C-alpha atoms as a PDB file:
ATOM      1  CA  MET A   1      -3.061  -0.720  18.198  1.00  0.00           C
ATOM      2  CA  ASN A   2      -4.028  -4.135  19.546  1.00  0.00           C
ATOM      3  CA  VAL A   3      -5.160  -6.459  16.757  1.00  0.00           C
ATOM      4  CA  GLU A   4      -7.180  -9.400  18.016  1.00  0.00           C
ATOM      5  CA  VAL A   5      -6.945 -12.672  16.097  1.00  0.00           C
ATOM      6  CA  THR A   6      -9.940 -14.962  16.576  1.00  0.00           C
ATOM      7  CA  PRO A   7     -10.147 -18.437  15.030  1.00  0.00           C
ATOM      8  CA  LEU A   8     -13.596 -19.079  13.540  1.00  0.00           C
ATOM      9  CA  PRO A   9     -14.008 -22.864  13.463  1.00  0.00           C
ATOM     10  CA  GLY A  10     -15.096 -24.076  10.041  1.00  0.00           C
ATOM     11  CA  ILE A  11     -14.870 -20.530   8.614  1.00  0.00           C
ATOM     12  CA  GLY A  12     -11.373 -19.105   8.955  1.00  0.00           C
ATOM     13  CA  VAL A  13      -9.776 -16.347  11.016  1.00  0.00           C
ATOM     14  CA  ARG A  14     -11.073 -12.940  12.107  1.00  0.00           C
ATOM     15  CA  LYS A  15      -8.539 -10.148  12.682  1.00  0.00           C
ATOM     16  CA  ASP A  16      -9.881  -6.872  14.043  1.00  0.00           C
ATOM     17  CA  PHE A  17      -9.203  -3.922  16.319  1.00  0.00           C
ATOM     18  CA  ALA A  18     -11.236  -1.361  18.260  1.00  0.00           C
ATOM     19  CA  LEU A  19     -11.766   2.117  16.890  1.00  0.00           C
ATOM     20  CA  ARG A  20     -11.984   5.144  19.164  1.00  0.00           C
ATOM     21  CA  SER A  21     -15.767   5.066  18.600  1.00  0.00           C
ATOM     22  CA  GLY A  22     -16.012   1.590  20.143  1.00  0.00           C
ATOM     23  CA  ARG A  23     -16.755  -0.163  16.870  1.00  0.00           C
ATOM     24  CA  ARG A  24     -14.414  -2.867  15.668  1.00  0.00           C
ATOM     25  CA  VAL A  25     -13.070  -3.053  12.125  1.00  0.00           C
ATOM     26  CA  GLY A  26     -11.183  -5.900  10.563  1.00  0.00           C
ATOM     27  CA  VAL A  27     -11.093  -8.724   8.082  1.00  0.00           C
ATOM     28  CA  VAL A  28     -12.255 -12.295   7.972  1.00  0.00           C
ATOM     29  CA  ASN A  29      -9.965 -14.578   5.991  1.00  0.00           C
ATOM     30  CA  HIS A  30     -12.090 -17.564   5.016  1.00  0.00           C
ATOM     31  CA  ARG A  31     -10.642 -21.047   4.625  1.00  0.00           C
ATOM     32  CA  ASP A  32     -11.712 -21.042   0.956  1.00  0.00           C
ATOM     33  CA  GLY A  33      -9.692 -17.883   0.246  1.00  0.00           C
ATOM     34  CA  GLN A  34     -12.530 -15.362   0.462  1.00  0.00           C
ATOM     35  CA  ILE A  35     -11.799 -12.094   2.253  1.00  0.00           C
ATOM     36  CA  GLU A  36     -14.364  -9.861   3.967  1.00  0.00           C
ATOM     37  CA  LEU A  37     -13.896  -6.371   5.370  1.00  0.00           C
ATOM     38  CA  ILE A  38     -16.059  -6.182   8.488  1.00  0.00           C
ATOM     39  CA  VAL A  39     -17.371  -3.413  10.738  1.00  0.00           C
ATOM     40  CA  SER A  40     -19.109  -4.218  14.038  1.00  0.00           C
ATOM     41  CA  LYS A  41     -22.168  -2.580  15.535  1.00  0.00           C
ATOM     42  CA  SER A  42     -21.233  -0.020  18.177  1.00  0.00           C
ATOM     43  CA  ASP A  43     -23.430  -1.623  20.845  1.00  0.00           C
ATOM     44  CA  ASP A  44     -22.362  -5.228  20.080  1.00  0.00           C
ATOM     45  CA  PRO A  45     -18.772  -5.823  18.902  1.00  0.00           C
ATOM     46  CA  ASP A  46     -19.651  -9.409  17.934  1.00  0.00           C
ATOM     47  CA  ALA A  47     -22.445  -8.335  15.559  1.00  0.00           C
ATOM     48  CA  CYS A  48     -21.577  -7.087  12.072  1.00  0.00           C
ATOM     49  CA  LEU A  49     -22.933  -3.787  10.847  1.00  0.00           C
ATOM     50  CA  ALA A  50     -21.354  -4.406   7.446  1.00  0.00           C
ATOM     51  CA  ALA A  51     -19.420  -7.175   5.749  1.00  0.00           C
ATOM     52  CA  LEU A  52     -17.928  -6.359   2.351  1.00  0.00           C
ATOM     53  CA  PRO A  53     -16.552  -9.246   0.297  1.00  0.00           C
ATOM     54  CA  LEU A  54     -13.267  -8.337  -1.401  1.00  0.00           C
ATOM     55  CA  THR A  55     -11.369  -9.995  -4.212  1.00  0.00           C
ATOM     56  CA  ILE A  56      -7.625 -10.509  -3.758  1.00  0.00           C
ATOM     57  CA  ASP A  57      -6.992  -7.496  -6.047  1.00  0.00           C
ATOM     58  CA  GLU A  58      -9.474  -5.318  -4.131  1.00  0.00           C
ATOM     59  CA  ALA A  59      -7.916  -6.294  -0.789  1.00  0.00           C
ATOM     60  CA  ALA A  60      -4.460  -5.501  -2.184  1.00  0.00           C
ATOM     61  CA  ALA A  61      -5.608  -2.117  -3.487  1.00  0.00           C
ATOM     62  CA  LEU A  62      -7.187  -1.258  -0.137  1.00  0.00           C
ATOM     63  CA  SER A  63      -4.050  -2.341   1.671  1.00  0.00           C
ATOM     64  CA  ASN A  64      -1.933  -0.133  -0.581  1.00  0.00           C
ATOM     65  CA  LEU A  65      -4.270   2.804   0.002  1.00  0.00           C
ATOM     66  CA  LEU A  66      -3.948   2.407   3.748  1.00  0.00           C
ATOM     67  CA  GLY A  67      -0.289   1.381   3.989  1.00  0.00           C
ATOM     68  CA  ALA A  68       1.494   3.660   1.553  1.00  0.00           C
ATOM     69  CA  PRO A  69       0.315   6.960   3.110  1.00  0.00           C
ATOM     70  CA  GLN A  70       1.565   5.785   6.500  1.00  0.00           C
ATOM     71  CA  LEU A  71       4.994   5.001   5.066  1.00  0.00           C
ATOM     72  CA  VAL A  72       5.124   8.324   3.211  1.00  0.00           C
ATOM     73  CA  ALA A  73       4.080  10.227   6.352  1.00  0.00           C
ATOM     74  CA  GLN A  74       6.872   8.564   8.318  1.00  0.00           C
ATOM     75  CA  LEU A  75       9.426   9.466   5.643  1.00  0.00           C
ATOM     76  CA  LYS A  76       8.176  13.072   5.494  1.00  0.00           C
ATOM     77  CA  GLU A  77       8.515  13.392   9.250  1.00  0.00           C
ATOM     78  CA  GLU A  78      12.068  12.046   9.148  1.00  0.00           C
ATOM     79  CA  GLN A  79      12.997  14.481   6.348  1.00  0.00           C
ATOM     80  CA  ALA A  80      11.357  17.558   7.870  1.00  0.00           C
ATOM     81  CA  ASP A  81      14.769  19.046   8.614  1.00  0.00           C
ATOM     82  CA  LEU A  82      15.984  18.621   5.025  1.00  0.00           C
ATOM     83  CA  PRO A  83      14.701  21.508   2.887  1.00  0.00           C
ATOM     84  CA  GLY A  84      14.123  20.686  -0.770  1.00  0.00           C
ATOM     85  CA  ILE A  85      13.666  16.960  -0.167  1.00  0.00           C
ATOM     86  CA  ASN A  86      10.177  15.580  -0.795  1.00  0.00           C
ATOM     87  CA  THR A  87       8.511  12.186  -0.576  1.00  0.00           C
ATOM     88  CA  LYS A  88       5.831  11.054  -3.000  1.00  0.00           C
ATOM     89  CA  GLN A  89       3.925   7.935  -4.007  1.00  0.00           C
ATOM     90  CA  LEU A  90       4.223   7.261  -7.725  1.00  0.00           C
ATOM     91  CA  PRO A  91       1.849   4.708  -9.260  1.00  0.00           C
ATOM     92  CA  VAL A  92       2.776   2.139 -11.877  1.00  0.00           C
ATOM     93  CA  ALA A  93      -0.400   1.930 -13.941  1.00  0.00           C
ATOM     94  CA  THR A  94      -1.519  -1.317 -15.520  1.00  0.00           C
ATOM     95  CA  GLY A  95      -0.390  -1.130 -19.124  1.00  0.00           C
ATOM     96  CA  SER A  96       2.173   1.603 -18.425  1.00  0.00           C
ATOM     97  CA  PRO A  97       5.484   1.376 -20.318  1.00  0.00           C
ATOM     98  CA  PHE A  98       7.089  -0.126 -17.180  1.00  0.00           C
ATOM     99  CA  ASP A  99       4.393  -2.660 -16.227  1.00  0.00           C
ATOM    100  CA  GLY A 100       6.324  -5.949 -16.270  1.00  0.00           C
ATOM    101  CA  ARG A 101       9.744  -4.307 -16.598  1.00  0.00           C
ATOM    102  CA  THR A 102      12.466  -3.834 -14.009  1.00  0.00           C
ATOM    103  CA  LEU A 103      13.090  -0.808 -11.846  1.00  0.00           C
ATOM    104  CA  GLY A 104      16.484  -0.481 -13.561  1.00  0.00           C
ATOM    105  CA  ASP A 105      14.701  -0.109 -16.920  1.00  0.00           C
ATOM    106  CA  THR A 106      13.148   3.142 -15.650  1.00  0.00           C
ATOM    107  CA  ALA A 107      16.578   4.682 -14.954  1.00  0.00           C
ATOM    108  CA  LEU A 108      14.758   7.021 -12.542  1.00  0.00           C
ATOM    109  CA  ARG A 109      17.810   7.667 -10.383  1.00  0.00           C
ATOM    110  CA  SER A 110      20.104   8.623 -13.266  1.00  0.00           C
ATOM    111  CA  ARG A 111      17.401  10.496 -15.233  1.00  0.00           C
ATOM    112  CA  THR A 112      15.781  12.439 -12.377  1.00  0.00           C
ATOM    113  CA  GLY A 113      17.867  12.026  -9.208  1.00  0.00           C
ATOM    114  CA  VAL A 114      14.845  10.388  -7.535  1.00  0.00           C
ATOM    115  CA  SER A 115      15.410   7.432  -5.223  1.00  0.00           C
ATOM    116  CA  VAL A 116      12.878   4.623  -4.863  1.00  0.00           C
ATOM    117  CA  VAL A 117      12.883   3.674  -1.187  1.00  0.00           C
ATOM    118  CA  ALA A 118      10.084   1.084  -1.307  1.00  0.00           C
ATOM    119  CA  VAL A 119       7.432  -0.459  -3.520  1.00  0.00           C
ATOM    120  CA  MET A 120       3.964  -1.232  -2.138  1.00  0.00           C
ATOM    121  CA  ARG A 121       2.370  -4.242  -3.822  1.00  0.00           C
ATOM    122  CA  ALA A 122      -0.693  -6.196  -2.765  1.00  0.00           C
ATOM    123  CA  GLY A 123      -0.386  -4.976   0.807  1.00  0.00           C
ATOM    124  CA  GLN A 124       3.295  -5.845   1.088  1.00  0.00           C
ATOM    125  CA  VAL A 125       6.123  -3.353   1.437  1.00  0.00           C
ATOM    126  CA  HIS A 126       9.234  -4.160  -0.605  1.00  0.00           C
ATOM    127  CA  PRO A 127      11.912  -1.921   0.948  1.00  0.00           C
ATOM    128  CA  SER A 128      14.991  -0.800  -0.975  1.00  0.00           C
ATOM    129  CA  PRO A 129      14.144  -2.514  -4.268  1.00  0.00           C
ATOM    130  CA  THR A 130      17.141  -3.404  -6.420  1.00  0.00           C
ATOM    131  CA  PRO A 131      17.423  -2.549 -10.142  1.00  0.00           C
ATOM    132  CA  ASP A 132      16.269  -6.079 -11.056  1.00  0.00           C
ATOM    133  CA  PHE A 133      12.978  -5.677  -9.115  1.00  0.00           C
ATOM    134  CA  THR A 134      10.131  -6.238 -11.610  1.00  0.00           C
ATOM    135  CA  LEU A 135       7.388  -3.621 -11.498  1.00  0.00           C
ATOM    136  CA  THR A 136       3.743  -4.602 -11.877  1.00  0.00           C
ATOM    137  CA  GLY A 137       0.658  -2.558 -12.699  1.00  0.00           C
ATOM    138  CA  GLY A 138      -0.897  -1.407  -9.424  1.00  0.00           C
ATOM    139  CA  ASP A 139       2.431  -0.962  -7.639  1.00  0.00           C
ATOM    140  CA  LEU A 140       2.965   2.233  -5.649  1.00  0.00           C
ATOM    141  CA  MET A 141       6.565   3.400  -5.607  1.00  0.00           C
ATOM    142  CA  VAL A 142       7.572   5.373  -2.523  1.00  0.00           C
ATOM    143  CA  THR A 143      10.092   7.895  -3.782  1.00  0.00           C
ATOM    144  CA  VAL A 144      12.313  10.665  -2.427  1.00  0.00           C
ATOM    145  CA  GLY A 145      13.723  13.593  -4.367  1.00  0.00           C
ATOM    146  CA  THR A 146      13.294  17.220  -5.351  1.00  0.00           C
ATOM    147  CA  SER A 147       9.907  18.503  -6.528  1.00  0.00           C
ATOM    148  CA  GLU A 148      11.234  18.766 -10.070  1.00  0.00           C
ATOM    149  CA  GLY A 149      12.727  15.269  -9.968  1.00  0.00           C
ATOM    150  CA  LEU A 150       9.500  13.764  -8.651  1.00  0.00           C
ATOM    151  CA  GLN A 151       7.462  15.468 -11.400  1.00  0.00           C
ATOM    152  CA  ALA A 152       9.869  14.149 -14.023  1.00  0.00           C
ATOM    153  CA  ALA A 153       9.744  10.644 -12.519  1.00  0.00           C
ATOM    154  CA  TYR A 154       5.931  10.671 -12.658  1.00  0.00           C
ATOM    155  CA  LYS A 155       6.043  11.592 -16.364  1.00  0.00           C
ATOM    156  CA  ILE A 156       8.609   8.869 -17.086  1.00  0.00           C
ATOM    157  CA  LEU A 157       6.497   6.198 -15.394  1.00  0.00           C
ATOM    158  CA  LYS A 158       3.412   7.367 -17.257  1.00  0.00           C
ATOM    159  CA  ASN A 159       4.889   7.935 -20.733  1.00  0.00           C
ATOM    160  CA  GLY A 160       8.153   6.029 -20.859  1.00  0.00           C
END
């Protein structure tokens, strides 16, 4: 996918790419910190059909929604030949028992056999987090394990 980066003098930077339909979709990062999700008209790629202002938290949530499934799909493909091994995204809810605590505090590996291979936060992938990695509400943990282990890990993250 070819992402075009276009400076917008006095405004900020536009980053977008062409969809199969011919429309362009992207973001405008304004100099003042505002973020807009944009979609072009199909007959004029320079004209906006829609511009949705996003807060930093909304942009991060959207990024996680789009990025985590891609990472999970890649892991699933790589593990297709390993029966009994599954990959799952496990959320850390705001206010959960582990919001603000370290990954080591969860003891997921020793309690369930589940491995945390990455944490998605605010659009950033944190690969191979160490036990001292602090979890935050809104994080998506990309995990690998058995079906039973993943179910147990979900319950631990939710209930403590």
